[in-house]
């Protein structure tokens, strides 16, 4: 059984997603089963994609960069972000509000 892509935890929200580096544009795609995929133009070299992911997702979610951190998946396409003081409803609302 797969873990939910957005989950409340102590102090905030975990967001599980899959990253596609070296894409033609930055975008968030919510797939059929609610899985979240993020396309990034940054290459997966020396942490560039991880830095770009946090910057892009903070802007997408409308939060400060310091409130969003990479929790796991530093060297994997499957990553978990932690949004401090966020709510599941806040994240879902931004994801449902449109793809950017």
N, C-alpha and C. Protein backbone atom coordinates (compact mmCIF):
# COMPACT_ATOMS: atom_id res chain seq x y z
N UNK A 1 0.84 -1.19 0.00
CA UNK A 1 0.00 0.00 0.00
C UNK A 1 0.89 1.24 0.00
N UNK A 2 0.64 2.14 -0.91
CA UNK A 2 1.44 3.36 -1.03
C UNK A 2 1.04 4.37 0.03
N UNK A 3 2.02 5.16 0.44
CA UNK A 3 1.75 6.22 1.40
C UNK A 3 1.04 7.37 0.70
N UNK A 4 0.19 8.10 1.42
CA UNK A 4 -0.49 9.24 0.79
C UNK A 4 0.52 10.33 0.43
N UNK A 5 0.29 11.04 -0.69
CA UNK A 5 1.25 12.06 -1.11
C UNK A 5 1.31 13.28 -0.18
N UNK A 6 0.23 13.55 0.53
CA UNK A 6 0.19 14.68 1.46
C UNK A 6 -0.29 14.15 2.79
N UNK A 7 0.50 14.38 3.84
CA UNK A 7 0.17 13.79 5.14
C UNK A 7 0.54 14.75 6.27
N UNK A 8 -0.39 14.94 7.20
CA UNK A 8 -0.10 15.76 8.38
C UNK A 8 0.87 15.01 9.28
N UNK A 9 1.78 15.75 9.90
CA UNK A 9 2.69 15.17 10.88
C UNK A 9 2.97 16.24 11.93
N UNK A 10 3.70 15.88 12.95
CA UNK A 10 4.00 16.81 14.04
C UNK A 10 4.68 18.07 13.49
N UNK A 11 4.04 19.20 13.66
CA UNK A 11 4.63 20.47 13.29
C UNK A 11 4.43 20.90 11.85
N UNK A 12 3.73 20.09 11.04
CA UNK A 12 3.54 20.51 9.66
C UNK A 12 2.96 19.43 8.77
N UNK A 13 3.42 19.42 7.52
CA UNK A 13 2.89 18.52 6.50
C UNK A 13 4.03 17.89 5.72
N UNK A 14 3.91 16.60 5.43
CA UNK A 14 4.84 15.91 4.54
C UNK A 14 4.22 15.86 3.15
N UNK A 15 5.02 16.17 2.14
CA UNK A 15 4.57 16.15 0.76
C UNK A 15 5.49 15.20 0.00
N UNK A 16 4.94 14.08 -0.46
CA UNK A 16 5.73 13.11 -1.21
C UNK A 16 5.51 13.34 -2.69
N UNK A 17 6.60 13.40 -3.44
CA UNK A 17 6.49 13.68 -4.86
C UNK A 17 7.62 13.03 -5.64
N UNK A 18 7.47 13.05 -6.94
CA UNK A 18 8.50 12.52 -7.83
C UNK A 18 8.98 13.68 -8.70
N UNK A 19 10.30 13.81 -8.84
CA UNK A 19 10.89 14.90 -9.59
C UNK A 19 11.39 14.42 -10.95
N UNK A 20 11.13 15.23 -11.96
CA UNK A 20 11.64 14.99 -13.30
C UNK A 20 12.59 16.13 -13.63
N UNK A 21 13.90 15.93 -13.44
CA UNK A 21 14.86 16.99 -13.75
C UNK A 21 15.07 17.14 -15.25
N UNK A 22 15.68 18.25 -15.64
CA UNK A 22 16.00 18.56 -17.04
C UNK A 22 14.76 18.59 -17.93
N UNK A 23 13.64 19.05 -17.38
CA UNK A 23 12.40 19.19 -18.16
C UNK A 23 12.46 20.48 -18.97
N UNK A 24 11.53 20.64 -19.89
CA UNK A 24 11.51 21.85 -20.72
C UNK A 24 10.99 23.07 -19.95
N UNK A 25 10.20 22.81 -18.88
CA UNK A 25 9.71 23.92 -18.05
C UNK A 25 9.42 23.40 -16.65
N UNK A 26 9.35 24.31 -15.69
CA UNK A 26 8.99 23.95 -14.32
C UNK A 26 7.47 23.82 -14.24
N UNK A 27 6.99 22.72 -13.65
CA UNK A 27 5.55 22.51 -13.56
C UNK A 27 5.23 21.49 -12.48
N UNK A 28 4.02 21.57 -11.95
CA UNK A 28 3.49 20.59 -11.00
C UNK A 28 2.37 19.86 -11.71
N UNK A 29 2.44 18.53 -11.68
CA UNK A 29 1.42 17.70 -12.31
C UNK A 29 0.86 16.76 -11.26
N UNK A 30 -0.46 16.80 -11.07
CA UNK A 30 -1.11 15.87 -10.16
C UNK A 30 -1.66 14.74 -11.02
N UNK A 31 -1.14 13.54 -10.80
CA UNK A 31 -1.50 12.40 -11.63
C UNK A 31 -2.76 11.72 -11.10
N UNK A 32 -3.25 10.76 -11.87
CA UNK A 32 -4.50 10.07 -11.62
C UNK A 32 -4.80 9.67 -10.19
N UNK A 33 -3.90 9.00 -9.52
CA UNK A 33 -4.16 8.52 -8.16
C UNK A 33 -3.77 9.55 -7.10
N UNK A 34 -3.61 10.80 -7.51
CA UNK A 34 -3.25 11.84 -6.56
C UNK A 34 -1.75 11.99 -6.38
N UNK A 35 -0.96 11.19 -7.12
CA UNK A 35 0.50 11.32 -7.04
C UNK A 35 0.91 12.67 -7.59
N UNK A 36 1.95 13.23 -7.00
CA UNK A 36 2.43 14.55 -7.39
C UNK A 36 3.76 14.38 -8.12
N UNK A 37 3.84 14.97 -9.31
CA UNK A 37 5.09 14.96 -10.07
C UNK A 37 5.48 16.41 -10.32
N UNK A 38 6.76 16.71 -10.15
CA UNK A 38 7.26 18.06 -10.38
C UNK A 38 8.33 18.01 -11.46
N UNK A 39 8.09 18.72 -12.55
CA UNK A 39 9.06 18.84 -13.63
C UNK A 39 9.91 20.08 -13.35
N UNK A 40 11.22 19.92 -13.43
CA UNK A 40 12.14 21.02 -13.17
C UNK A 40 13.13 21.15 -14.31
N UNK A 41 13.47 22.37 -14.68
CA UNK A 41 14.46 22.58 -15.72
C UNK A 41 15.88 22.33 -15.21
N UNK A 42 16.07 22.36 -13.91
CA UNK A 42 17.40 22.18 -13.32
C UNK A 42 17.90 20.75 -13.53
N UNK A 43 19.20 20.58 -13.74
CA UNK A 43 19.77 19.24 -13.89
C UNK A 43 20.00 18.60 -12.52
N UNK A 44 20.07 17.26 -12.48
CA UNK A 44 20.31 16.58 -11.21
C UNK A 44 21.80 16.51 -10.87
N UNK A 45 22.46 17.66 -10.86
CA UNK A 45 23.90 17.71 -10.64
C UNK A 45 24.20 18.55 -9.42
N UNK A 46 24.98 18.01 -8.50
CA UNK A 46 25.45 18.74 -7.31
C UNK A 46 24.32 19.43 -6.55
N UNK A 47 23.18 18.80 -6.46
CA UNK A 47 22.07 19.33 -5.67
C UNK A 47 21.28 20.44 -6.34
N UNK A 48 21.56 20.72 -7.61
CA UNK A 48 20.86 21.82 -8.29
C UNK A 48 19.36 21.56 -8.37
N UNK A 49 18.97 20.34 -8.66
CA UNK A 49 17.54 20.03 -8.75
C UNK A 49 16.87 20.12 -7.39
N UNK A 50 17.55 19.71 -6.33
CA UNK A 50 16.98 19.81 -4.98
C UNK A 50 16.76 21.27 -4.59
N UNK A 51 17.73 22.11 -4.87
CA UNK A 51 17.60 23.53 -4.57
C UNK A 51 16.46 24.15 -5.38
N UNK A 52 16.41 23.80 -6.66
CA UNK A 52 15.35 24.32 -7.53
C UNK A 52 13.98 23.82 -7.07
N UNK A 53 13.91 22.57 -6.61
CA UNK A 53 12.65 22.00 -6.14
C UNK A 53 12.11 22.79 -4.95
N UNK A 54 12.93 23.04 -3.96
CA UNK A 54 12.48 23.76 -2.77
C UNK A 54 12.07 25.19 -3.14
N UNK A 55 12.86 25.84 -3.97
CA UNK A 55 12.54 27.21 -4.39
C UNK A 55 11.21 27.24 -5.17
N UNK A 56 11.06 26.33 -6.15
CA UNK A 56 9.86 26.31 -6.98
C UNK A 56 8.62 25.94 -6.16
N UNK A 57 8.72 24.92 -5.32
CA UNK A 57 7.56 24.49 -4.55
C UNK A 57 7.15 25.53 -3.50
N UNK A 58 8.11 26.24 -2.92
CA UNK A 58 7.77 27.31 -1.97
C UNK A 58 6.96 28.39 -2.68
N UNK A 59 7.39 28.75 -3.88
CA UNK A 59 6.67 29.76 -4.66
C UNK A 59 5.29 29.22 -5.05
N UNK A 60 5.24 27.98 -5.52
CA UNK A 60 3.99 27.36 -5.94
C UNK A 60 2.98 27.30 -4.79
N UNK A 61 3.45 26.94 -3.59
CA UNK A 61 2.57 26.82 -2.43
C UNK A 61 2.30 28.15 -1.74
N UNK A 62 3.04 29.19 -2.13
CA UNK A 62 2.84 30.51 -1.53
C UNK A 62 3.36 30.59 -0.11
N UNK A 63 4.49 29.93 0.15
CA UNK A 63 5.09 29.94 1.49
C UNK A 63 6.53 30.44 1.39
N UNK A 64 7.11 30.77 2.52
CA UNK A 64 8.51 31.18 2.56
C UNK A 64 9.41 29.97 2.37
N UNK A 65 10.53 30.18 1.67
CA UNK A 65 11.46 29.08 1.44
C UNK A 65 11.95 28.44 2.73
N UNK A 66 12.13 29.22 3.74
CA UNK A 66 12.65 28.67 5.00
C UNK A 66 11.65 27.73 5.68
N UNK A 67 10.38 27.80 5.29
CA UNK A 67 9.36 26.92 5.88
C UNK A 67 9.24 25.59 5.15
N UNK A 68 9.96 25.42 4.05
CA UNK A 68 9.89 24.20 3.25
C UNK A 68 11.28 23.59 3.16
N UNK A 69 11.41 22.33 3.58
CA UNK A 69 12.72 21.67 3.55
C UNK A 69 12.60 20.29 2.94
N UNK A 70 13.71 19.83 2.37
CA UNK A 70 13.79 18.49 1.82
C UNK A 70 14.03 17.53 2.98
N UNK A 71 13.08 16.66 3.23
CA UNK A 71 13.16 15.72 4.36
C UNK A 71 13.88 14.44 3.96
N UNK A 72 13.60 13.92 2.76
CA UNK A 72 14.28 12.71 2.29
C UNK A 72 14.29 12.66 0.78
N UNK A 73 15.18 11.85 0.23
CA UNK A 73 15.28 11.67 -1.21
C UNK A 73 16.32 12.55 -1.86
N UNK A 74 17.34 12.92 -1.12
CA UNK A 74 18.39 13.81 -1.61
C UNK A 74 18.97 13.34 -2.94
N UNK A 75 19.14 12.03 -3.12
CA UNK A 75 19.75 11.49 -4.33
C UNK A 75 18.78 10.61 -5.12
N UNK A 76 17.50 10.81 -4.91
CA UNK A 76 16.48 10.00 -5.56
C UNK A 76 15.49 10.91 -6.28
N UNK A 77 14.78 10.37 -7.24
CA UNK A 77 13.70 11.14 -7.89
C UNK A 77 12.48 11.23 -6.98
N UNK A 78 12.32 10.25 -6.09
CA UNK A 78 11.23 10.26 -5.13
C UNK A 78 11.69 11.03 -3.90
N UNK A 79 10.98 12.10 -3.58
CA UNK A 79 11.40 12.99 -2.50
C UNK A 79 10.25 13.27 -1.55
N UNK A 80 10.61 13.66 -0.34
CA UNK A 80 9.62 14.09 0.64
C UNK A 80 10.02 15.48 1.12
N UNK A 81 9.09 16.42 0.99
CA UNK A 81 9.28 17.77 1.50
C UNK A 81 8.51 17.91 2.81
N UNK A 82 9.01 18.76 3.68
CA UNK A 82 8.33 19.06 4.93
C UNK A 82 7.97 20.54 4.94
N UNK A 83 6.68 20.82 5.08
CA UNK A 83 6.19 22.20 5.18
C UNK A 83 5.88 22.48 6.63
N UNK A 84 6.71 23.30 7.24
CA UNK A 84 6.54 23.65 8.65
C UNK A 84 5.32 24.53 8.83
N UNK A 85 4.51 24.19 9.83
CA UNK A 85 3.31 24.97 10.18
C UNK A 85 2.25 24.98 9.08
N UNK A 86 2.38 24.11 8.09
CA UNK A 86 1.38 24.06 7.04
C UNK A 86 0.28 23.07 7.38
N UNK A 87 -0.77 23.07 6.55
CA UNK A 87 -1.86 22.12 6.74
C UNK A 87 -2.08 21.34 5.44
N UNK A 88 -2.66 20.16 5.58
CA UNK A 88 -2.99 19.34 4.42
C UNK A 88 -3.94 20.11 3.50
N UNK A 89 -4.90 20.78 4.07
CA UNK A 89 -5.88 21.54 3.30
C UNK A 89 -5.21 22.66 2.51
N UNK A 90 -4.24 23.33 3.10
CA UNK A 90 -3.51 24.39 2.43
C UNK A 90 -2.78 23.85 1.20
N UNK A 91 -2.10 22.74 1.34
CA UNK A 91 -1.36 22.15 0.24
C UNK A 91 -2.32 21.65 -0.85
N UNK A 92 -3.35 20.96 -0.45
CA UNK A 92 -4.34 20.46 -1.43
C UNK A 92 -4.99 21.61 -2.18
N UNK A 93 -5.29 22.68 -1.48
CA UNK A 93 -5.90 23.84 -2.11
C UNK A 93 -5.01 24.43 -3.19
N UNK A 94 -3.72 24.54 -2.92
CA UNK A 94 -2.79 25.06 -3.91
C UNK A 94 -2.66 24.11 -5.10
N UNK A 95 -2.62 22.82 -4.82
CA UNK A 95 -2.50 21.84 -5.91
C UNK A 95 -3.75 21.83 -6.78
N UNK A 96 -4.92 21.98 -6.17
CA UNK A 96 -6.19 21.98 -6.92
C UNK A 96 -6.43 23.31 -7.60
N UNK A 97 -5.75 24.36 -7.12
CA UNK A 97 -5.95 25.70 -7.65
C UNK A 97 -5.41 25.89 -9.06
N UNK A 98 -4.65 24.97 -9.53
CA UNK A 98 -4.13 25.08 -10.89
C UNK A 98 -2.67 24.72 -10.95
N UNK A 99 -2.26 24.29 -12.09
CA UNK A 99 -0.87 23.91 -12.31
C UNK A 99 -0.13 25.12 -12.86
N UNK A 100 1.09 25.28 -12.40
CA UNK A 100 1.86 26.44 -12.83
C UNK A 100 3.10 25.99 -13.54
